[in-house]
Every structure is written in C-alpha cells, then in structure tokens.
Full PDB file with SEQRES, HELIX, SHEET, SSBOND, CRYST1, ORIGX, SCALE, CONECT and MASTER records, all heavy atoms in Angstrom:
SEQRES   1 A   32  ALA LEU ALA ARG PHE TYR LYS THR GLY SER LYS SER LEU          
SEQRES   2 A   32  LEU ASP GLN TYR SER ASP THR CYS LEU ARG ARG VAL TRP          
SEQRES   3 A   32  LYS VAL GLN ARG PHE SER                                      
HELIX    1 AA1 LEU A    2  THR A    8  1                                   7    
HELIX    2 AA2 SER A   12  ASP A   15  1                                   4    
HELIX    3 AA3 TYR A   17  PHE A   31  1                                  15    
CRYST1    1.000    1.000    1.000  90.00  90.00  90.00 P 1           1          
ORIGX1      1.000000  0.000000  0.000000        0.00000                         
ORIGX2      0.000000  1.000000  0.000000        0.00000                         
ORIGX3      0.000000  0.000000  1.000000        0.00000                         
SCALE1      1.000000  0.000000  0.000000        0.00000                         
SCALE2      0.000000  1.000000  0.000000        0.00000                         
SCALE3      0.000000  0.000000  1.000000        0.00000                         
ATOM      1  N   ALA A   1       0.823  -1.207   0.000  1.00  0.00           N  
ATOM      2  CA  ALA A   1       0.000   0.000   0.000  1.00  0.00           C  
ATOM      3  C   ALA A   1       0.860   1.262   0.000  1.00  0.00           C  
ATOM      4  O   ALA A   1       0.554   2.241  -0.695  1.00  0.00           O  
ATOM      5  CB  ALA A   1      -0.927  -0.014   1.209  1.00  0.00           C  
ATOM      6  N   LEU A   2       1.940   1.257   0.760  1.00  0.00           N  
ATOM      7  CA  LEU A   2       2.837   2.410   0.805  1.00  0.00           C  
ATOM      8  C   LEU A   2       3.555   2.591  -0.534  1.00  0.00           C  
ATOM      9  O   LEU A   2       3.730   3.717  -1.012  1.00  0.00           O  
ATOM     10  CB  LEU A   2       3.844   2.242   1.937  1.00  0.00           C  
ATOM     11  CG  LEU A   2       3.274   2.379   3.349  1.00  0.00           C  
ATOM     12  CD1 LEU A   2       4.266   1.876   4.392  1.00  0.00           C  
ATOM     13  CD2 LEU A   2       2.898   3.836   3.648  1.00  0.00           C  
ATOM     14  N   ALA A   3       3.953   1.482  -1.133  1.00  0.00           N  
ATOM     15  CA  ALA A   3       4.611   1.571  -2.439  1.00  0.00           C  
ATOM     16  C   ALA A   3       3.668   2.175  -3.474  1.00  0.00           C  
ATOM     17  O   ALA A   3       4.081   3.009  -4.302  1.00  0.00           O  
ATOM     18  CB  ALA A   3       5.080   0.187  -2.886  1.00  0.00           C  
ATOM     19  N   ARG A   4       2.386   1.789  -3.433  1.00  0.00           N  
ATOM     20  CA  ARG A   4       1.405   2.358  -4.357  1.00  0.00           C  
ATOM     21  C   ARG A   4       1.262   3.872  -4.119  1.00  0.00           C  
ATOM     22  O   ARG A   4       1.192   4.660  -5.068  1.00  0.00           O  
ATOM     23  CB  ARG A   4       0.058   1.656  -4.170  1.00  0.00           C  
ATOM     24  CG  ARG A   4      -1.110   2.290  -4.923  1.00  0.00           C  
ATOM     25  CD  ARG A   4      -1.016   2.084  -6.420  1.00  0.00           C  
ATOM     26  NE  ARG A   4      -1.083   0.676  -6.741  1.00  0.00           N  
ATOM     27  CZ  ARG A   4      -2.230  -0.007  -6.886  1.00  0.00           C  
ATOM     28  NH1 ARG A   4      -3.398   0.599  -6.736  1.00  0.00           N  
ATOM     29  NH2 ARG A   4      -2.189  -1.284  -7.210  1.00  0.00           N  
ATOM     30  N   PHE A   5       1.231   4.268  -2.855  1.00  0.00           N  
ATOM     31  CA  PHE A   5       1.098   5.689  -2.534  1.00  0.00           C  
ATOM     32  C   PHE A   5       2.276   6.500  -3.069  1.00  0.00           C  
ATOM     33  O   PHE A   5       2.092   7.537  -3.715  1.00  0.00           O  
ATOM     34  CB  PHE A   5       0.983   5.879  -1.019  1.00  0.00           C  
ATOM     35  CG  PHE A   5       1.049   7.323  -0.588  1.00  0.00           C  
ATOM     36  CD1 PHE A   5      -0.072   8.133  -0.665  1.00  0.00           C  
ATOM     37  CD2 PHE A   5       2.232   7.878  -0.118  1.00  0.00           C  
ATOM     38  CE1 PHE A   5      -0.017   9.474  -0.293  1.00  0.00           C  
ATOM     39  CE2 PHE A   5       2.305   9.207   0.262  1.00  0.00           C  
ATOM     40  CZ  PHE A   5       1.176  10.007   0.173  1.00  0.00           C  
ATOM     41  N   TYR A   6       3.487   6.024  -2.826  1.00  0.00           N  
ATOM     42  CA  TYR A   6       4.658   6.803  -3.248  1.00  0.00           C  
ATOM     43  C   TYR A   6       4.865   6.759  -4.758  1.00  0.00           C  
ATOM     44  O   TYR A   6       5.474   7.657  -5.336  1.00  0.00           O  
ATOM     45  CB  TYR A   6       5.907   6.315  -2.515  1.00  0.00           C  
ATOM     46  CG  TYR A   6       5.957   6.794  -1.083  1.00  0.00           C  
ATOM     47  CD1 TYR A   6       5.817   5.899  -0.028  1.00  0.00           C  
ATOM     48  CD2 TYR A   6       6.111   8.136  -0.793  1.00  0.00           C  
ATOM     49  CE1 TYR A   6       5.847   6.339   1.288  1.00  0.00           C  
ATOM     50  CE2 TYR A   6       6.138   8.596   0.524  1.00  0.00           C  
ATOM     51  CZ  TYR A   6       6.007   7.695   1.550  1.00  0.00           C  
ATOM     52  OH  TYR A   6       6.028   8.135   2.858  1.00  0.00           O  
ATOM     53  N   LYS A   7       4.318   5.752  -5.409  1.00  0.00           N  
ATOM     54  CA  LYS A   7       4.454   5.662  -6.860  1.00  0.00           C  
ATOM     55  C   LYS A   7       3.401   6.479  -7.595  1.00  0.00           C  
ATOM     56  O   LYS A   7       3.690   7.122  -8.620  1.00  0.00           O  
ATOM     57  CB  LYS A   7       4.361   4.198  -7.294  1.00  0.00           C  
ATOM     58  CG  LYS A   7       4.573   3.983  -8.782  1.00  0.00           C  
ATOM     59  CD  LYS A   7       4.541   2.501  -9.140  1.00  0.00           C  
ATOM     60  CE  LYS A   7       4.778   2.287 -10.634  1.00  0.00           C  
ATOM     61  NZ  LYS A   7       4.767   0.838 -10.980  1.00  0.00           N  
ATOM     62  N   THR A   8       2.160   6.472  -7.069  1.00  0.00           N  
ATOM     63  CA  THR A   8       1.053   7.091  -7.796  1.00  0.00           C  
ATOM     64  C   THR A   8       0.356   8.215  -7.044  1.00  0.00           C  
ATOM     65  O   THR A   8      -0.433   8.956  -7.634  1.00  0.00           O  
ATOM     66  CB  THR A   8      -0.009   6.035  -8.147  1.00  0.00           C  
ATOM     67  OG1 THR A   8      -0.662   5.599  -6.932  1.00  0.00           O  
ATOM     68  CG2 THR A   8       0.634   4.828  -8.830  1.00  0.00           C  
ATOM     69  N   GLY A   9       0.603   8.318  -5.726  1.00  0.00           N  
ATOM     70  CA  GLY A   9      -0.123   9.291  -4.914  1.00  0.00           C  
ATOM     71  C   GLY A   9      -1.466   8.782  -4.432  1.00  0.00           C  
ATOM     72  O   GLY A   9      -2.158   9.472  -3.678  1.00  0.00           O  
ATOM     73  N   SER A  10      -1.845   7.565  -4.826  1.00  0.00           N  
ATOM     74  CA  SER A  10      -3.139   7.020  -4.431  1.00  0.00           C  
ATOM     75  C   SER A  10      -3.084   6.421  -3.030  1.00  0.00           C  
ATOM     76  O   SER A  10      -2.173   5.644  -2.712  1.00  0.00           O  
ATOM     77  CB  SER A  10      -3.568   5.932  -5.427  1.00  0.00           C  
ATOM     78  OG  SER A  10      -4.715   5.243  -4.948  1.00  0.00           O  
ATOM     79  N   LYS A  11      -4.070   6.740  -2.217  1.00  0.00           N  
ATOM     80  CA  LYS A  11      -4.173   6.193  -0.865  1.00  0.00           C  
ATOM     81  C   LYS A  11      -5.176   5.047  -0.795  1.00  0.00           C  
ATOM     82  O   LYS A  11      -5.521   4.603   0.304  1.00  0.00           O  
ATOM     83  CB  LYS A  11      -4.584   7.295   0.122  1.00  0.00           C  
ATOM     84  CG  LYS A  11      -3.535   8.386   0.330  1.00  0.00           C  
ATOM     85  CD  LYS A  11      -4.014   9.427   1.322  1.00  0.00           C  
ATOM     86  CE  LYS A  11      -4.239   8.836   2.698  1.00  0.00           C  
ATOM     87  NZ  LYS A  11      -4.725   9.840   3.681  1.00  0.00           N  
ATOM     88  N   SER A  12      -5.617   4.558  -1.930  1.00  0.00           N  
ATOM     89  CA  SER A  12      -6.693   3.566  -1.934  1.00  0.00           C  
ATOM     90  C   SER A  12      -6.310   2.304  -1.164  1.00  0.00           C  
ATOM     91  O   SER A  12      -7.104   1.784  -0.371  1.00  0.00           O  
ATOM     92  CB  SER A  12      -7.094   3.213  -3.366  1.00  0.00           C  
ATOM     93  OG  SER A  12      -5.992   2.672  -4.088  1.00  0.00           O  
ATOM     94  N   LEU A  13      -5.112   1.795  -1.391  1.00  0.00           N  
ATOM     95  CA  LEU A  13      -4.701   0.586  -0.678  1.00  0.00           C  
ATOM     96  C   LEU A  13      -4.455   0.863   0.797  1.00  0.00           C  
ATOM     97  O   LEU A  13      -4.708   0.006   1.648  1.00  0.00           O  
ATOM     98  CB  LEU A  13      -3.459  -0.018  -1.322  1.00  0.00           C  
ATOM     99  CG  LEU A  13      -3.612  -0.577  -2.734  1.00  0.00           C  
ATOM    100  CD1 LEU A  13      -2.318  -1.271  -3.175  1.00  0.00           C  
ATOM    101  CD2 LEU A  13      -4.778  -1.550  -2.828  1.00  0.00           C  
ATOM    102  N   LEU A  14      -3.953   2.055   1.123  1.00  0.00           N  
ATOM    103  CA  LEU A  14      -3.782   2.421   2.530  1.00  0.00           C  
ATOM    104  C   LEU A  14      -5.133   2.491   3.239  1.00  0.00           C  
ATOM    105  O   LEU A  14      -5.269   2.043   4.380  1.00  0.00           O  
ATOM    106  CB  LEU A  14      -3.053   3.763   2.640  1.00  0.00           C  
ATOM    107  CG  LEU A  14      -1.560   3.739   2.296  1.00  0.00           C  
ATOM    108  CD1 LEU A  14      -1.023   5.165   2.180  1.00  0.00           C  
ATOM    109  CD2 LEU A  14      -0.769   2.962   3.343  1.00  0.00           C  
ATOM    110  N   ASP A  15      -6.127   3.032   2.550  1.00  0.00           N  
ATOM    111  CA  ASP A  15      -7.461   3.118   3.150  1.00  0.00           C  
ATOM    112  C   ASP A  15      -8.068   1.733   3.371  1.00  0.00           C  
ATOM    113  O   ASP A  15      -8.896   1.557   4.266  1.00  0.00           O  
ATOM    114  CB  ASP A  15      -8.385   3.952   2.259  1.00  0.00           C  
ATOM    115  CG  ASP A  15      -7.993   5.425   2.213  1.00  0.00           C  
ATOM    116  OD1 ASP A  15      -7.268   5.871   3.131  1.00  0.00           O  
ATOM    117  OD2 ASP A  15      -8.401   6.116   1.258  1.00  0.00           O  
ATOM    118  N   GLN A  16      -7.655   0.762   2.554  1.00  0.00           N  
ATOM    119  CA  GLN A  16      -8.182  -0.597   2.678  1.00  0.00           C  
ATOM    120  C   GLN A  16      -7.337  -1.475   3.591  1.00  0.00           C  
ATOM    121  O   GLN A  16      -7.672  -2.648   3.801  1.00  0.00           O  
ATOM    122  CB  GLN A  16      -8.225  -1.266   1.292  1.00  0.00           C  
ATOM    123  CG  GLN A  16      -9.178  -0.625   0.306  1.00  0.00           C  
ATOM    124  CD  GLN A  16      -9.083  -1.290  -1.054  1.00  0.00           C  
ATOM    125  OE1 GLN A  16      -9.311  -2.493  -1.183  1.00  0.00           O  
ATOM    126  NE2 GLN A  16      -8.725  -0.532  -2.069  1.00  0.00           N  
ATOM    127  N   TYR A  17      -6.246  -0.940   4.131  1.00  0.00           N  
ATOM    128  CA  TYR A  17      -5.294  -1.757   4.892  1.00  0.00           C  
ATOM    129  C   TYR A  17      -5.977  -2.564   5.993  1.00  0.00           C  
ATOM    130  O   TYR A  17      -5.815  -3.782   6.087  1.00  0.00           O  
ATOM    131  CB  TYR A  17      -4.198  -0.869   5.496  1.00  0.00           C  
ATOM    132  CG  TYR A  17      -3.338  -1.587   6.517  1.00  0.00           C  
ATOM    133  CD1 TYR A  17      -2.372  -2.509   6.124  1.00  0.00           C  
ATOM    134  CD2 TYR A  17      -3.505  -1.369   7.885  1.00  0.00           C  
ATOM    135  CE1 TYR A  17      -1.599  -3.190   7.050  1.00  0.00           C  
ATOM    136  CE2 TYR A  17      -2.731  -2.039   8.825  1.00  0.00           C  
ATOM    137  CZ  TYR A  17      -1.782  -2.950   8.406  1.00  0.00           C  
ATOM    138  OH  TYR A  17      -1.017  -3.612   9.324  1.00  0.00           O  
ATOM    139  N   SER A  18      -6.756  -1.907   6.821  1.00  0.00           N  
ATOM    140  CA  SER A  18      -7.361  -2.597   7.960  1.00  0.00           C  
ATOM    141  C   SER A  18      -8.314  -3.694   7.502  1.00  0.00           C  
ATOM    142  O   SER A  18      -8.246  -4.838   7.982  1.00  0.00           O  
ATOM    143  CB  SER A  18      -8.097  -1.596   8.851  1.00  0.00           C  
ATOM    144  OG  SER A  18      -8.596  -2.239  10.010  1.00  0.00           O  
ATOM    145  N   ASP A  19      -9.199  -3.379   6.558  1.00  0.00           N  
ATOM    146  CA  ASP A  19     -10.156  -4.381   6.086  1.00  0.00           C  
ATOM    147  C   ASP A  19      -9.441  -5.570   5.446  1.00  0.00           C  
ATOM    148  O   ASP A  19      -9.836  -6.725   5.648  1.00  0.00           O  
ATOM    149  CB  ASP A  19     -11.118  -3.747   5.079  1.00  0.00           C  
ATOM    150  CG  ASP A  19     -12.109  -2.797   5.730  1.00  0.00           C  
ATOM    151  OD1 ASP A  19     -12.273  -2.867   6.968  1.00  0.00           O  
ATOM    152  OD2 ASP A  19     -12.705  -1.980   5.008  1.00  0.00           O  
ATOM    153  N   THR A  20      -8.396  -5.281   4.652  1.00  0.00           N  
ATOM    154  CA  THR A  20      -7.657  -6.363   3.994  1.00  0.00           C  
ATOM    155  C   THR A  20      -7.006  -7.278   5.023  1.00  0.00           C  
ATOM    156  O   THR A  20      -7.105  -8.507   4.935  1.00  0.00           O  
ATOM    157  CB  THR A  20      -6.584  -5.783   3.057  1.00  0.00           C  
ATOM    158  OG1 THR A  20      -7.202  -4.948   2.079  1.00  0.00           O  
ATOM    159  CG2 THR A  20      -5.807  -6.894   2.359  1.00  0.00           C  
ATOM    160  N   CYS A  21      -6.335  -6.685   6.008  1.00  0.00           N  
ATOM    161  CA  CYS A  21      -5.660  -7.490   7.032  1.00  0.00           C  
ATOM    162  C   CYS A  21      -6.647  -8.247   7.908  1.00  0.00           C  
ATOM    163  O   CYS A  21      -6.440  -9.432   8.209  1.00  0.00           O  
ATOM    164  CB  CYS A  21      -4.777  -6.596   7.902  1.00  0.00           C  
ATOM    165  SG  CYS A  21      -3.301  -5.977   7.069  1.00  0.00           S  
ATOM    166  N   LEU A  22      -7.728  -7.577   8.317  1.00  0.00           N  
ATOM    167  CA  LEU A  22      -8.643  -8.205   9.258  1.00  0.00           C  
ATOM    168  C   LEU A  22      -9.360  -9.411   8.653  1.00  0.00           C  
ATOM    169  O   LEU A  22      -9.706 -10.360   9.374  1.00  0.00           O  
ATOM    170  CB  LEU A  22      -9.668  -7.183   9.767  1.00  0.00           C  
ATOM    171  CG  LEU A  22      -9.118  -6.205  10.798  1.00  0.00           C  
ATOM    172  CD1 LEU A  22     -10.095  -5.058  11.036  1.00  0.00           C  
ATOM    173  CD2 LEU A  22      -8.808  -6.914  12.118  1.00  0.00           C  
ATOM    174  N   ARG A  23      -9.552  -9.405   7.347  1.00  0.00           N  
ATOM    175  CA  ARG A  23     -10.164 -10.580   6.714  1.00  0.00           C  
ATOM    176  C   ARG A  23      -9.302 -11.807   6.963  1.00  0.00           C  
ATOM    177  O   ARG A  23      -9.806 -12.890   7.281  1.00  0.00           O  
ATOM    178  CB  ARG A  23     -10.332 -10.331   5.212  1.00  0.00           C  
ATOM    179  CG  ARG A  23     -11.090 -11.433   4.493  1.00  0.00           C  
ATOM    180  CD  ARG A  23     -11.617 -10.956   3.153  1.00  0.00           C  
ATOM    181  NE  ARG A  23     -12.385 -12.027   2.509  1.00  0.00           N  
ATOM    182  CZ  ARG A  23     -11.986 -12.682   1.434  1.00  0.00           C  
ATOM    183  NH1 ARG A  23     -10.825 -12.383   0.860  1.00  0.00           N  
ATOM    184  NH2 ARG A  23     -12.737 -13.622   0.917  1.00  0.00           N  
ATOM    185  N   ARG A  24      -7.996 -11.658   6.843  1.00  0.00           N  
ATOM    186  CA  ARG A  24      -7.088 -12.769   7.114  1.00  0.00           C  
ATOM    187  C   ARG A  24      -6.968 -13.016   8.614  1.00  0.00           C  
ATOM    188  O   ARG A  24      -6.946 -14.179   9.057  1.00  0.00           O  
ATOM    189  CB  ARG A  24      -5.708 -12.448   6.534  1.00  0.00           C  
ATOM    190  CG  ARG A  24      -4.697 -13.598   6.665  1.00  0.00           C  
ATOM    191  CD  ARG A  24      -3.316 -13.193   6.179  1.00  0.00           C  
ATOM    192  NE  ARG A  24      -2.431 -14.331   6.036  1.00  0.00           N  
ATOM    193  CZ  ARG A  24      -2.338 -15.095   4.966  1.00  0.00           C  
ATOM    194  NH1 ARG A  24      -3.101 -14.824   3.911  1.00  0.00           N  
ATOM    195  NH2 ARG A  24      -1.506 -16.119   4.919  1.00  0.00           N  
ATOM    196  N   VAL A  25      -6.880 -11.947   9.400  1.00  0.00           N  
ATOM    197  CA  VAL A  25      -6.724 -12.086  10.852  1.00  0.00           C  
ATOM    198  C   VAL A  25      -7.830 -12.958  11.434  1.00  0.00           C  
ATOM    199  O   VAL A  25      -7.572 -13.878  12.230  1.00  0.00           O  
ATOM    200  CB  VAL A  25      -6.709 -10.702  11.521  1.00  0.00           C  
ATOM    201  CG1 VAL A  25      -6.913 -10.821  13.031  1.00  0.00           C  
ATOM    202  CG2 VAL A  25      -5.407  -9.964  11.220  1.00  0.00           C  
ATOM    203  N   TRP A  26      -9.082 -12.696  11.032  1.00  0.00           N  
ATOM    204  CA  TRP A  26     -10.178 -13.462  11.625  1.00  0.00           C  
ATOM    205  C   TRP A  26     -10.200 -14.905  11.146  1.00  0.00           C  
ATOM    206  O   TRP A  26     -10.590 -15.813  11.894  1.00  0.00           O  
ATOM    207  CB  TRP A  26     -11.518 -12.769  11.368  1.00  0.00           C  
ATOM    208  CG  TRP A  26     -11.738 -11.645  12.337  1.00  0.00           C  
ATOM    209  CD1 TRP A  26     -11.736 -10.307  12.080  1.00  0.00           C  
ATOM    210  CD2 TRP A  26     -11.942 -11.775  13.749  1.00  0.00           C  
ATOM    211  NE1 TRP A  26     -11.945  -9.593  13.241  1.00  0.00           N  
ATOM    212  CE2 TRP A  26     -12.078 -10.462  14.275  1.00  0.00           C  
ATOM    213  CE3 TRP A  26     -12.032 -12.851  14.617  1.00  0.00           C  
ATOM    214  CZ2 TRP A  26     -12.292 -10.218  15.629  1.00  0.00           C  
ATOM    215  CZ3 TRP A  26     -12.252 -12.617  15.973  1.00  0.00           C  
ATOM    216  CH2 TRP A  26     -12.381 -11.313  16.469  1.00  0.00           C  
ATOM    217  N   LYS A  27      -9.771 -15.165   9.931  1.00  0.00           N  
ATOM    218  CA  LYS A  27      -9.640 -16.559   9.491  1.00  0.00           C  
ATOM    219  C   LYS A  27      -8.573 -17.281  10.303  1.00  0.00           C  
ATOM    220  O   LYS A  27      -8.735 -18.449  10.677  1.00  0.00           O  
ATOM    221  CB  LYS A  27      -9.294 -16.612   8.002  1.00  0.00           C  
ATOM    222  CG  LYS A  27     -10.436 -16.216   7.079  1.00  0.00           C  
ATOM    223  CD  LYS A  27      -9.981 -16.258   5.628  1.00  0.00           C  
ATOM    224  CE  LYS A  27     -11.085 -15.830   4.681  1.00  0.00           C  
ATOM    225  NZ  LYS A  27     -10.624 -15.802   3.270  1.00  0.00           N  
ATOM    226  N   VAL A  28      -7.471 -16.592  10.571  1.00  0.00           N  
ATOM    227  CA  VAL A  28      -6.401 -17.196  11.366  1.00  0.00           C  
ATOM    228  C   VAL A  28      -6.839 -17.372  12.814  1.00  0.00           C  
ATOM    229  O   VAL A  28      -6.517 -18.380  13.459  1.00  0.00           O  
ATOM    230  CB  VAL A  28      -5.119 -16.353  11.245  1.00  0.00           C  
ATOM    231  CG1 VAL A  28      -4.068 -16.812  12.255  1.00  0.00           C  
ATOM    232  CG2 VAL A  28      -4.561 -16.430   9.826  1.00  0.00           C  
ATOM    233  N   GLN A  29      -7.584 -16.394  13.347  1.00  0.00           N  
ATOM    234  CA  GLN A  29      -8.116 -16.550  14.703  1.00  0.00           C  
ATOM    235  C   GLN A  29      -9.029 -17.769  14.774  1.00  0.00           C  
ATOM    236  O   GLN A  29      -8.972 -18.540  15.742  1.00  0.00           O  
ATOM    237  CB  GLN A  29      -8.893 -15.297  15.123  1.00  0.00           C  
ATOM    238  CG  GLN A  29      -8.037 -14.073  15.401  1.00  0.00           C  
ATOM    239  CD  GLN A  29      -7.298 -14.159  16.725  1.00  0.00           C  
ATOM    240  OE1 GLN A  29      -7.391 -15.147  17.455  1.00  0.00           O  
ATOM    241  NE2 GLN A  29      -6.547 -13.116  17.050  1.00  0.00           N  
ATOM    242  N   ARG A  30      -9.870 -17.945  13.764  1.00  0.00           N  
ATOM    243  CA  ARG A  30     -10.766 -19.095  13.741  1.00  0.00           C  
ATOM    244  C   ARG A  30      -9.970 -20.404  13.771  1.00  0.00           C  
ATOM    245  O   ARG A  30     -10.270 -21.316  14.548  1.00  0.00           O  
ATOM    246  CB  ARG A  30     -11.635 -19.060  12.474  1.00  0.00           C  
ATOM    247  CG  ARG A  30     -12.657 -20.201  12.402  1.00  0.00           C  
ATOM    248  CD  ARG A  30     -12.934 -20.613  10.964  1.00  0.00           C  
ATOM    249  NE  ARG A  30     -11.788 -21.212  10.318  1.00  0.00           N  
ATOM    250  CZ  ARG A  30     -11.424 -22.485  10.436  1.00  0.00           C  
ATOM    251  NH1 ARG A  30     -12.103 -23.307  11.231  1.00  0.00           N  
ATOM    252  NH2 ARG A  30     -10.368 -22.947   9.794  1.00  0.00           N  
ATOM    253  N   PHE A  31      -8.938 -20.477  12.943  1.00  0.00           N  
ATOM    254  CA  PHE A  31      -8.142 -21.699  12.877  1.00  0.00           C  
ATOM    255  C   PHE A  31      -7.402 -21.948  14.192  1.00  0.00           C  
ATOM    256  O   PHE A  31      -7.391 -23.077  14.704  1.00  0.00           O  
ATOM    257  CB  PHE A  31      -7.143 -21.599  11.724  1.00  0.00           C  
ATOM    258  CG  PHE A  31      -6.195 -22.763  11.643  1.00  0.00           C  
ATOM    259  CD1 PHE A  31      -6.650 -24.022  11.293  1.00  0.00           C  
ATOM    260  CD2 PHE A  31      -4.846 -22.600  11.931  1.00  0.00           C  
ATOM    261  CE1 PHE A  31      -5.784 -25.105  11.221  1.00  0.00           C  
ATOM    262  CE2 PHE A  31      -3.976 -23.673  11.856  1.00  0.00           C  
ATOM    263  CZ  PHE A  31      -4.441 -24.928  11.507  1.00  0.00           C  
ATOM    264  N   SER A  32      -6.792 -20.903  14.754  1.00  0.00           N  
ATOM    265  CA  SER A  32      -6.034 -21.071  15.997  1.00  0.00           C  
ATOM    266  C   SER A  32      -6.950 -21.459  17.154  1.00  0.00           C  
ATOM    267  O   SER A  32      -6.599 -22.299  17.987  1.00  0.00           O  
ATOM    268  CB  SER A  32      -5.273 -19.784  16.319  1.00  0.00           C  
ATOM    269  OG  SER A  32      -4.340 -19.489  15.306  1.00  0.00           O  
TER     270      SER A  32                                                      
MASTER        0    0    0    3    0    0    0    6  269    1    0    3          
END                                                                             
C-alpha cells in the first residue's frame, strides 16, 4: 500500500489496509 502511494499518490490501498488485514486475521483466529 505504501509503495502504491509513493508511486502514484493514491491512498486507496492504505485506506483498505485494515479491512484487507482483518479478513485474514479473523480466518487465522478461527483456525487457531
């Protein structure tokens, strides 16, 4: 996300950071 920001100025991936990570986090929490 940071690489996209510094390359294009877009914050779209930074804005999605939490949602993107939490989707995996909760799957891993379920498994653990």
